[in-house]
Protein backbone atom coordinates (compact mmCIF):
# COMPACT_ATOMS: atom_id res chain seq x y z
CA MET A 1 119.25 35.96 45.02
CA LYS A 2 120.84 39.26 46.02
CA ASN A 3 118.94 42.45 46.72
CA VAL A 4 119.84 45.80 45.22
CA MET A 5 118.94 49.01 46.99
CA ILE A 6 117.86 52.07 45.05
CA SER A 7 117.12 55.59 46.20
CA TYR A 8 113.60 56.68 47.04
CA GLU A 9 113.75 59.10 44.12
CA MET A 10 114.61 56.30 41.68
CA PHE A 11 111.76 54.21 43.09
CA VAL A 12 109.32 57.07 42.49
CA PHE A 13 110.59 57.52 38.91
CA LEU A 14 110.11 53.82 38.24
CA LEU A 15 106.59 53.91 39.70
CA ARG A 16 105.67 56.93 37.62
CA TYR A 17 107.00 55.27 34.47
CA HIS A 18 105.42 51.84 34.97
CA LEU A 19 102.17 52.63 36.75
CA LEU A 20 101.33 56.08 35.44
CA GLU A 21 102.94 55.58 32.02
CA ASP A 22 104.83 58.87 32.42
CA ASP A 23 107.62 58.95 29.83
CA ASN A 24 109.03 62.26 31.12
CA CYS A 25 111.32 60.54 33.60
CA LEU A 26 113.07 58.14 31.19
CA ASN A 27 116.38 60.07 31.23
CA GLU A 28 116.50 60.08 35.03
CA ILE A 29 115.74 56.36 35.14
CA ARG A 30 118.39 55.57 32.53
CA GLN A 31 121.06 57.65 34.29
CA GLY A 32 120.19 56.25 37.70
CA LEU A 33 120.31 52.65 36.50
CA GLU A 34 123.62 53.22 34.70
CA GLN A 35 125.10 54.69 37.89
CA LYS A 36 123.79 51.76 39.90
CA LEU A 37 125.21 49.26 37.42
CA ASP A 38 128.61 50.98 37.53
CA SER A 39 128.51 50.88 41.31
CA LEU A 40 127.74 47.17 41.29
CA VAL A 41 130.57 46.46 38.84
CA TYR A 42 133.05 48.47 40.96
CA HIS A 43 131.97 46.60 44.07
CA GLU A 44 132.29 43.22 42.35
CA LEU A 45 135.78 44.01 41.04
CA TYR A 46 136.91 45.28 44.45
CA ALA A 47 135.54 42.21 46.20
CA LYS A 48 137.30 39.97 43.68
CA TYR A 49 140.53 41.87 44.34
CA LYS A 50 140.21 41.45 48.10
CA THR A 51 139.23 37.77 48.07
CA ALA A 52 141.30 36.31 45.24
CA PRO A 53 143.10 33.13 46.36
CA THR A 54 146.48 33.82 44.73
CA GLN A 55 148.71 36.88 44.54
CA GLU A 56 148.58 36.87 40.72
CA GLU A 57 144.78 36.85 40.69
CA ARG A 58 144.69 39.63 43.30
CA GLU A 59 147.02 41.80 41.24
CA LYS A 60 145.05 41.14 38.05
CA ALA A 61 141.78 42.03 39.79
CA ARG A 62 143.36 45.15 41.32
CA GLN A 63 144.58 46.35 37.92
CA GLU A 64 141.14 45.67 36.40
CA TYR A 65 139.46 47.61 39.22
CA LEU A 66 141.81 50.59 38.85
CA GLU A 67 141.39 50.56 35.08
CA LYS A 68 137.59 50.55 35.37
CA ARG A 69 137.70 53.39 37.91
CA GLY A 70 139.88 55.43 35.57
CA VAL A 71 142.91 55.77 37.84
CA PRO A 72 145.87 56.83 35.67
CA ASP A 73 148.96 54.59 35.56
CA SER A 74 151.15 57.39 36.92
CA PHE A 75 149.03 57.55 40.09
CA ARG A 76 149.11 53.80 40.83
CA TRP A 77 151.58 52.09 43.15
């Protein structure tokens, strides 16, 4: 199983929410987890692009990565 690192601030928000039942930090938790999930997806797509066994799979993964990152077609090579 892989480990995922979070910031100290996110850890404190999660502790406050779960242990102290403080609902005031729900937006921060939601935003932080969405950012972390996006980061994990970007990393996974980039790794797939770099390690794909065939040229076609590499190019497909590269296009998917650039699309997810929001790089416009006119800026791509």
